[in-house]
């Protein structure tokens, strides 16, 4: 099920904020590192696979189903440093 631009972009920002312990409004704009519209277009047309990019010292992965995973580079490998899901 394809995600809308706002839901994918919002998921990225929410999950990065959660992993880094930063308020969402204090994060730099997502478009400083990736074009949210282009991200959505690519995800909506992918039948499988994932896109990974860095945002605020985190590795962000968006799967073809629109799910978002975030791993903080400083706590990678720790369950507390990863946020996963579609919410």
PDB file of N, CA and C in Angstrom:
ATOM      1  N   UNK A   1       0.848  -1.178   0.000  1.00  0.00           N
ATOM      2  CA  UNK A   1       0.000   0.000   0.000  1.00  0.00           C
ATOM      3  C   UNK A   1       0.891   1.238   0.000  1.00  0.00           C
ATOM      4  N   UNK A   2       0.795   2.093  -1.029  1.00  0.00           N
ATOM      5  CA  UNK A   2       1.641   3.272  -1.107  1.00  0.00           C
ATOM      6  C   UNK A   2       1.334   4.273  -0.002  1.00  0.00           C
ATOM      7  N   UNK A   3       2.359   4.969   0.414  1.00  0.00           N
ATOM      8  CA  UNK A   3       2.224   6.003   1.434  1.00  0.00           C
ATOM      9  C   UNK A   3       2.152   7.359   0.746  1.00  0.00           C
ATOM     10  N   UNK A   4       1.550   8.331   1.383  1.00  0.00           N
ATOM     11  CA  UNK A   4       1.557   9.682   0.845  1.00  0.00           C
ATOM     12  C   UNK A   4       2.867  10.358   1.217  1.00  0.00           C
ATOM     13  N   UNK A   5       3.180  11.461   0.519  1.00  0.00           N
ATOM     14  CA  UNK A   5       4.432  12.165   0.791  1.00  0.00           C
ATOM     15  C   UNK A   5       4.520  12.553   2.255  1.00  0.00           C
ATOM     16  N   UNK A   6       3.432  13.116   2.764  1.00  0.00           N
ATOM     17  CA  UNK A   6       3.489  13.595   4.135  1.00  0.00           C
ATOM     18  C   UNK A   6       3.653  12.439   5.110  1.00  0.00           C
ATOM     19  N   UNK A   7       3.023  11.308   4.846  1.00  0.00           N
ATOM     20  CA  UNK A   7       3.145  10.221   5.810  1.00  0.00           C
ATOM     21  C   UNK A   7       4.551   9.633   5.822  1.00  0.00           C
ATOM     22  N   UNK A   8       5.177   9.454   4.662  1.00  0.00           N
ATOM     23  CA  UNK A   8       6.546   8.934   4.627  1.00  0.00           C
ATOM     24  C   UNK A   8       7.500   9.951   5.240  1.00  0.00           C
ATOM     25  N   UNK A   9       7.391  11.205   4.826  1.00  0.00           N
ATOM     26  CA  UNK A   9       8.267  12.244   5.365  1.00  0.00           C
ATOM     27  C   UNK A   9       8.030  12.425   6.858  1.00  0.00           C
ATOM     28  N   UNK A  10       6.775  12.429   7.275  1.00  0.00           N
ATOM     29  CA  UNK A  10       6.460  12.568   8.698  1.00  0.00           C
ATOM     30  C   UNK A  10       7.012  11.397   9.498  1.00  0.00           C
ATOM     31  N   UNK A  11       6.901  10.192   8.949  1.00  0.00           N
ATOM     32  CA  UNK A  11       7.458   9.024   9.642  1.00  0.00           C
ATOM     33  C   UNK A  11       8.961   9.179   9.846  1.00  0.00           C
ATOM     34  N   UNK A  12       9.657   9.618   8.799  1.00  0.00           N
ATOM     35  CA  UNK A  12      11.107   9.798   8.898  1.00  0.00           C
ATOM     36  C   UNK A  12      11.427  10.787  10.010  1.00  0.00           C
ATOM     37  N   UNK A  13      10.775  11.933   9.995  1.00  0.00           N
ATOM     38  CA  UNK A  13      11.060  12.964  10.998  1.00  0.00           C
ATOM     39  C   UNK A  13      10.708  12.472  12.402  1.00  0.00           C
ATOM     40  N   UNK A  14       9.541  11.846  12.564  1.00  0.00           N
ATOM     41  CA  UNK A  14       9.133  11.344  13.887  1.00  0.00           C
ATOM     42  C   UNK A  14      10.111  10.302  14.418  1.00  0.00           C
ATOM     43  N   UNK A  15      10.508   9.371  13.571  1.00  0.00           N
ATOM     44  CA  UNK A  15      11.389   8.299  14.023  1.00  0.00           C
ATOM     45  C   UNK A  15      12.793   8.812  14.336  1.00  0.00           C
ATOM     46  N   UNK A  16      13.309   9.732  13.514  1.00  0.00           N
ATOM     47  CA  UNK A  16      14.630  10.315  13.797  1.00  0.00           C
ATOM     48  C   UNK A  16      14.571  11.109  15.090  1.00  0.00           C
ATOM     49  N   UNK A  17      13.509  11.861  15.297  1.00  0.00           N
ATOM     50  CA  UNK A  17      13.352  12.617  16.544  1.00  0.00           C
ATOM     51  C   UNK A  17      13.328  11.671  17.737  1.00  0.00           C
ATOM     52  N   UNK A  18      12.619  10.569  17.607  1.00  0.00           N
ATOM     53  CA  UNK A  18      12.531   9.591  18.694  1.00  0.00           C
ATOM     54  C   UNK A  18      13.886   8.964  19.007  1.00  0.00           C
ATOM     55  N   UNK A  19      14.589   8.536  17.965  1.00  0.00           N
ATOM     56  CA  UNK A  19      15.883   7.871  18.155  1.00  0.00           C
ATOM     57  C   UNK A  19      16.922   8.826  18.728  1.00  0.00           C
ATOM     58  N   UNK A  20      16.915  10.077  18.280  1.00  0.00           N
ATOM     59  CA  UNK A  20      17.933  11.037  18.727  1.00  0.00           C
ATOM     60  C   UNK A  20      17.534  11.798  19.985  1.00  0.00           C
ATOM     61  N   UNK A  21      16.281  11.654  20.403  1.00  0.00           N
ATOM     62  CA  UNK A  21      15.820  12.384  21.581  1.00  0.00           C
ATOM     63  C   UNK A  21      15.704  13.878  21.325  1.00  0.00           C
ATOM     64  N   UNK A  22      15.395  14.232  20.083  1.00  0.00           N
ATOM     65  CA  UNK A  22      15.293  15.627  19.675  1.00  0.00           C
ATOM     66  C   UNK A  22      13.844  15.947  19.338  1.00  0.00           C
ATOM     67  N   UNK A  23      13.394  17.125  19.690  1.00  0.00           N
ATOM     68  CA  UNK A  23      12.045  17.536  19.305  1.00  0.00           C
ATOM     69  C   UNK A  23      11.994  17.675  17.783  1.00  0.00           C
ATOM     70  N   UNK A  24      10.905  17.240  17.189  1.00  0.00           N
ATOM     71  CA  UNK A  24      10.760  17.288  15.728  1.00  0.00           C
ATOM     72  C   UNK A  24      11.030  18.673  15.148  1.00  0.00           C
ATOM     73  N   UNK A  25      10.574  19.717  15.822  1.00  0.00           N
ATOM     74  CA  UNK A  25      10.752  21.074  15.292  1.00  0.00           C
ATOM     75  C   UNK A  25      12.203  21.541  15.362  1.00  0.00           C
ATOM     76  N   UNK A  26      13.046  20.861  16.142  1.00  0.00           N
ATOM     77  CA  UNK A  26      14.447  21.236  16.245  1.00  0.00           C
ATOM     78  C   UNK A  26      15.334  20.524  15.225  1.00  0.00           C
ATOM     79  N   UNK A  27      14.770  19.582  14.469  1.00  0.00           N
ATOM     80  CA  UNK A  27      15.535  18.889  13.431  1.00  0.00           C
ATOM     81  C   UNK A  27      15.661  19.790  12.204  1.00  0.00           C
ATOM     82  N   UNK A  28      16.753  19.636  11.451  1.00  0.00           N
ATOM     83  CA  UNK A  28      16.848  20.397  10.200  1.00  0.00           C
ATOM     84  C   UNK A  28      15.787  19.895   9.221  1.00  0.00           C
ATOM     85  N   UNK A  29      15.416  20.718   8.253  1.00  0.00           N
ATOM     86  CA  UNK A  29      14.402  20.283   7.288  1.00  0.00           C
ATOM     87  C   UNK A  29      14.844  19.019   6.550  1.00  0.00           C
ATOM     88  N   UNK A  30      13.923  18.090   6.378  1.00  0.00           N
ATOM     89  CA  UNK A  30      14.228  16.845   5.669  1.00  0.00           C
ATOM     90  C   UNK A  30      14.715  17.134   4.255  1.00  0.00           C
ATOM     91  N   UNK A  31      14.144  18.162   3.607  1.00  0.00           N
ATOM     92  CA  UNK A  31      14.534  18.465   2.239  1.00  0.00           C
ATOM     93  C   UNK A  31      15.983  18.936   2.117  1.00  0.00           C
ATOM     94  N   UNK A  32      16.665  19.194   3.244  1.00  0.00           N
ATOM     95  CA  UNK A  32      18.091  19.512   3.185  1.00  0.00           C
ATOM     96  C   UNK A  32      18.915  18.297   2.775  1.00  0.00           C
ATOM     97  N   UNK A  33      18.360  17.078   2.961  1.00  0.00           N
ATOM     98  CA  UNK A  33      19.109  15.863   2.634  1.00  0.00           C
ATOM     99  C   UNK A  33      18.453  15.018   1.552  1.00  0.00           C
ATOM    100  N   UNK A  34      17.141  15.144   1.378  1.00  0.00           N
ATOM    101  CA  UNK A  34      16.455  14.375   0.343  1.00  0.00           C
ATOM    102  C   UNK A  34      15.174  15.104  -0.049  1.00  0.00           C
ATOM    103  N   UNK A  35      14.837  15.035  -1.313  1.00  0.00           N
ATOM    104  CA  UNK A  35      13.604  15.652  -1.796  1.00  0.00           C
ATOM    105  C   UNK A  35      12.433  14.748  -1.401  1.00  0.00           C
ATOM    106  N   UNK A  36      11.582  15.194  -0.461  1.00  0.00           N
ATOM    107  CA  UNK A  36      10.480  14.343  -0.002  1.00  0.00           C
ATOM    108  C   UNK A  36       9.554  13.900  -1.133  1.00  0.00           C
ATOM    109  N   UNK A  37       9.300  14.757  -2.111  1.00  0.00           N
ATOM    110  CA  UNK A  37       8.435  14.392  -3.235  1.00  0.00           C
ATOM    111  C   UNK A  37       9.073  13.288  -4.079  1.00  0.00           C
ATOM    112  N   UNK A  38      10.364  13.416  -4.330  1.00  0.00           N
ATOM    113  CA  UNK A  38      11.069  12.386  -5.094  1.00  0.00           C
ATOM    114  C   UNK A  38      11.105  11.072  -4.316  1.00  0.00           C
ATOM    115  N   UNK A  39      11.303  11.150  -3.012  1.00  0.00           N
ATOM    116  CA  UNK A  39      11.298   9.949  -2.175  1.00  0.00           C
ATOM    117  C   UNK A  39       9.970   9.212  -2.323  1.00  0.00           C
ATOM    118  N   UNK A  40       8.883   9.932  -2.246  1.00  0.00           N
ATOM    119  CA  UNK A  40       7.556   9.319  -2.366  1.00  0.00           C
ATOM    120  C   UNK A  40       7.363   8.712  -3.748  1.00  0.00           C
ATOM    121  N   UNK A  41       7.747   9.444  -4.786  1.00  0.00           N
ATOM    122  CA  UNK A  41       7.582   8.918  -6.150  1.00  0.00           C
ATOM    123  C   UNK A  41       8.343   7.614  -6.323  1.00  0.00           C
ATOM    124  N   UNK A  42       9.550   7.565  -5.820  1.00  0.00           N
ATOM    125  CA  UNK A  42      10.347   6.344  -5.949  1.00  0.00           C
ATOM    126  C   UNK A  42       9.717   5.209  -5.151  1.00  0.00           C
ATOM    127  N   UNK A  43       9.333   5.464  -3.905  1.00  0.00           N
ATOM    128  CA  UNK A  43       8.740   4.415  -3.063  1.00  0.00           C
ATOM    129  C   UNK A  43       7.442   3.907  -3.676  1.00  0.00           C
ATOM    130  N   UNK A  44       6.632   4.812  -4.204  1.00  0.00           N
ATOM    131  CA  UNK A  44       5.346   4.402  -4.792  1.00  0.00           C
ATOM    132  C   UNK A  44       5.516   3.544  -6.043  1.00  0.00           C
ATOM    133  N   UNK A  45       6.636   3.690  -6.731  1.00  0.00           N
ATOM    134  CA  UNK A  45       6.846   2.915  -7.952  1.00  0.00           C
ATOM    135  C   UNK A  45       7.709   1.675  -7.742  1.00  0.00           C
ATOM    136  N   UNK A  46       8.270   1.507  -6.554  1.00  0.00           N
ATOM    137  CA  UNK A  46       9.096   0.327  -6.281  1.00  0.00           C
ATOM    138  C   UNK A  46       8.206  -0.877  -6.011  1.00  0.00           C
ATOM    139  N   UNK A  47       8.555  -2.015  -6.601  1.00  0.00           N
ATOM    140  CA  UNK A  47       7.827  -3.244  -6.286  1.00  0.00           C
ATOM    141  C   UNK A  47       8.531  -4.008  -5.170  1.00  0.00           C
ATOM    142  N   UNK A  48       9.802  -3.724  -4.983  1.00  0.00           N
ATOM    143  CA  UNK A  48      10.564  -4.305  -3.876  1.00  0.00           C
ATOM    144  C   UNK A  48      11.804  -3.451  -3.667  1.00  0.00           C
ATOM    145  N   UNK A  49      12.493  -3.700  -2.570  1.00  0.00           N
ATOM    146  CA  UNK A  49      13.722  -2.969  -2.299  1.00  0.00           C
ATOM    147  C   UNK A  49      13.558  -1.908  -1.235  1.00  0.00           C
ATOM    148  N   UNK A  50      14.585  -1.080  -1.135  1.00  0.00           N
ATOM    149  CA  UNK A  50      14.598  -0.046  -0.112  1.00  0.00           C
ATOM    150  C   UNK A  50      15.500   1.094  -0.537  1.00  0.00           C
ATOM    151  N   UNK A  51      15.304   2.233   0.094  1.00  0.00           N
ATOM    152  CA  UNK A  51      16.135   3.419  -0.102  1.00  0.00           C
ATOM    153  C   UNK A  51      16.729   3.766   1.252  1.00  0.00           C
ATOM    154  N   UNK A  52      18.034   3.987   1.287  1.00  0.00           N
ATOM    155  CA  UNK A  52      18.696   4.346   2.539  1.00  0.00           C
ATOM    156  C   UNK A  52      19.433   5.665   2.350  1.00  0.00           C
ATOM    157  N   UNK A  53      19.315   6.544   3.337  1.00  0.00           N
ATOM    158  CA  UNK A  53      20.005   7.830   3.307  1.00  0.00           C
ATOM    159  C   UNK A  53      20.316   8.240   4.739  1.00  0.00           C
ATOM    160  N   UNK A  54      21.198   9.209   4.880  1.00  0.00           N
ATOM    161  CA  UNK A  54      21.580   9.713   6.202  1.00  0.00           C
ATOM    162  C   UNK A  54      20.831  10.999   6.495  1.00  0.00           C
ATOM    163  N   UNK A  55      20.356  11.108   7.732  1.00  0.00           N
ATOM    164  CA  UNK A  55      19.663  12.317   8.185  1.00  0.00           C
ATOM    165  C   UNK A  55      19.927  12.455   9.669  1.00  0.00           C
ATOM    166  N   UNK A  56      20.551  13.547  10.067  1.00  0.00           N
ATOM    167  CA  UNK A  56      20.860  13.860  11.465  1.00  0.00           C
ATOM    168  C   UNK A  56      21.636  12.706  12.116  1.00  0.00           C
ATOM    169  N   UNK A  57      22.736  12.295  11.461  1.00  0.00           N
ATOM    170  CA  UNK A  57      23.586  11.224  11.992  1.00  0.00           C
ATOM    171  C   UNK A  57      22.842   9.909  12.185  1.00  0.00           C
ATOM    172  N   UNK A  58      21.803   9.678  11.408  1.00  0.00           N
ATOM    173  CA  UNK A  58      21.048   8.427  11.456  1.00  0.00           C
ATOM    174  C   UNK A  58      21.000   7.823  10.059  1.00  0.00           C
ATOM    175  N   UNK A  59      20.998   6.511   9.994  1.00  0.00           N
ATOM    176  CA  UNK A  59      20.736   5.815   8.748  1.00  0.00           C
ATOM    177  C   UNK A  59      19.231   5.598   8.678  1.00  0.00           C
ATOM    178  N   UNK A  60      18.598   6.130   7.655  1.00  0.00           N
ATOM    179  CA  UNK A  60      17.150   6.018   7.464  1.00  0.00           C
ATOM    180  C   UNK A  60      16.918   5.109   6.269  1.00  0.00           C
ATOM    181  N   UNK A  61      16.085   4.089   6.449  1.00  0.00           N
ATOM    182  CA  UNK A  61      15.741   3.171   5.366  1.00  0.00           C
ATOM    183  C   UNK A  61      14.236   3.181   5.171  1.00  0.00           C
ATOM    184  N   UNK A  62      13.811   3.428   3.941  1.00  0.00           N
ATOM    185  CA  UNK A  62      12.399   3.381   3.580  1.00  0.00           C
ATOM    186  C   UNK A  62      12.222   2.191   2.642  1.00  0.00           C
ATOM    187  N   UNK A  63      11.373   1.250   3.048  1.00  0.00           N
ATOM    188  CA  UNK A  63      11.109   0.062   2.246  1.00  0.00           C
ATOM    189  C   UNK A  63      10.051   0.351   1.191  1.00  0.00           C
ATOM    190  N   UNK A  64       9.959  -0.541   0.216  1.00  0.00           N
ATOM    191  CA  UNK A  64       8.997  -0.359  -0.873  1.00  0.00           C
ATOM    192  C   UNK A  64       7.553  -0.317  -0.387  1.00  0.00           C
ATOM    193  N   UNK A  65       7.275  -0.872   0.791  1.00  0.00           N
ATOM    194  CA  UNK A  65       5.906  -0.812   1.334  1.00  0.00           C
ATOM    195  C   UNK A  65       5.660   0.469   2.130  1.00  0.00           C
ATOM    196  N   UNK A  66       6.659   1.354   2.189  1.00  0.00           N
ATOM    197  CA  UNK A  66       6.513   2.626   2.887  1.00  0.00           C
ATOM    198  C   UNK A  66       6.933   2.600   4.342  1.00  0.00           C
ATOM    199  N   UNK A  67       7.335   1.429   4.852  1.00  0.00           N
ATOM    200  CA  UNK A  67       7.785   1.384   6.246  1.00  0.00           C
ATOM    201  C   UNK A  67       9.146   2.055   6.362  1.00  0.00           C
ATOM    202  N   UNK A  68       9.400   2.611   7.543  1.00  0.00           N
ATOM    203  CA  UNK A  68      10.613   3.395   7.787  1.00  0.00           C
ATOM    204  C   UNK A  68      11.367   2.802   8.968  1.00  0.00           C
ATOM    205  N   UNK A  69      12.677   2.612   8.782  1.00  0.00           N
ATOM    206  CA  UNK A  69      13.561   2.170   9.871  1.00  0.00           C
ATOM    207  C   UNK A  69      14.636   3.234  10.052  1.00  0.00           C
ATOM    208  N   UNK A  70      14.966   3.504  11.305  1.00  0.00           N
ATOM    209  CA  UNK A  70      15.987   4.502  11.615  1.00  0.00           C
ATOM    210  C   UNK A  70      16.966   3.906  12.610  1.00  0.00           C
ATOM    211  N   UNK A  71      18.253   4.001  12.293  1.00  0.00           N
ATOM    212  CA  UNK A  71      19.303   3.546  13.208  1.00  0.00           C
ATOM    213  C   UNK A  71      20.240   4.712  13.478  1.00  0.00           C
ATOM    214  N   UNK A  72      20.404   5.048  14.731  1.00  0.00           N
ATOM    215  CA  UNK A  72      21.305   6.120  15.143  1.00  0.00           C
ATOM    216  C   UNK A  72      22.731   5.596  15.021  1.00  0.00           C
ATOM    217  N   UNK A  73      23.597   6.331  14.340  1.00  0.00           N
ATOM    218  CA  UNK A  73      24.974   5.892  14.131  1.00  0.00           C
ATOM    219  C   UNK A  73      25.721   5.701  15.440  1.00  0.00           C
ATOM    220  N   UNK A  74      25.326   6.397  16.489  1.00  0.00           N
ATOM    221  CA  UNK A  74      26.052   6.325  17.744  1.00  0.00           C
ATOM    222  C   UNK A  74      25.589   5.180  18.628  1.00  0.00           C
ATOM    223  N   UNK A  75      24.384   4.652  18.363  1.00  0.00           N
ATOM    224  CA  UNK A  75      23.893   3.546  19.177  1.00  0.00           C
ATOM    225  C   UNK A  75      23.449   2.372  18.303  1.00  0.00           C
ATOM    226  N   UNK A  76      23.950   2.309  17.072  1.00  0.00           N
ATOM    227  CA  UNK A  76      23.565   1.234  16.162  1.00  0.00           C
ATOM    228  C   UNK A  76      23.813  -0.112  16.834  1.00  0.00           C
ATOM    229  N   UNK A  77      22.908  -1.023  16.636  1.00  0.00           N
ATOM    230  CA  UNK A  77      23.017  -2.335  17.244  1.00  0.00           C
ATOM    231  C   UNK A  77      22.283  -2.429  18.566  1.00  0.00           C
ATOM    232  N   UNK A  78      21.895  -1.300  19.114  1.00  0.00           N
ATOM    233  CA  UNK A  78      21.162  -1.275  20.373  1.00  0.00           C
ATOM    234  C   UNK A  78      19.674  -1.135  20.066  1.00  0.00           C
ATOM    235  N   UNK A  79      18.845  -1.929  20.694  1.00  0.00           N
ATOM    236  CA  UNK A  79      17.394  -1.850  20.456  1.00  0.00           C
ATOM    237  C   UNK A  79      16.871  -0.458  20.757  1.00  0.00           C
ATOM    238  N   UNK A  80      17.482   0.226  21.714  1.00  0.00           N
ATOM    239  CA  UNK A  80      17.015   1.568  22.069  1.00  0.00           C
ATOM    240  C   UNK A  80      17.356   2.594  21.004  1.00  0.00           C
ATOM    241  N   UNK A  81      18.234   2.243  20.075  1.00  0.00           N
ATOM    242  CA  UNK A  81      18.639   3.194  19.050  1.00  0.00           C
ATOM    243  C   UNK A  81      17.974   2.980  17.718  1.00  0.00           C
ATOM    244  N   UNK A  82      16.946   2.145  17.667  1.00  0.00           N
ATOM    245  CA  UNK A  82      16.300   1.850  16.394  1.00  0.00           C
ATOM    246  C   UNK A  82      14.793   2.063  16.525  1.00  0.00           C
ATOM    247  N   UNK A  83      14.225   2.702  15.533  1.00  0.00           N
ATOM    248  CA  UNK A  83      12.767   2.867  15.472  1.00  0.00           C
ATOM    249  C   UNK A  83      12.298   2.230  14.185  1.00  0.00           C
ATOM    250  N   UNK A  84      11.272   1.396  14.270  1.00  0.00           N
ATOM    251  CA  UNK A  84      10.774   0.669  13.113  1.00  0.00           C
ATOM    252  C   UNK A  84       9.263   0.771  13.077  1.00  0.00           C
ATOM    253  N   UNK A  85       8.676   0.789  11.893  1.00  0.00           N
ATOM    254  CA  UNK A  85       7.227   0.701  11.803  1.00  0.00           C
ATOM    255  C   UNK A  85       6.606   1.616  10.791  1.00  0.00           C
ATOM    256  N   UNK A  86       5.295   1.543  10.727  1.00  0.00           N
ATOM    257  CA  UNK A  86       4.514   2.337   9.782  1.00  0.00           C
ATOM    258  C   UNK A  86       3.727   3.429  10.448  1.00  0.00           C
ATOM    259  N   UNK A  87       3.901   3.659  11.737  1.00  0.00           N
ATOM    260  CA  UNK A  87       3.076   4.662  12.417  1.00  0.00           C
ATOM    261  C   UNK A  87       3.659   6.039  12.344  1.00  0.00           C
TER     262      UNK A  87
END
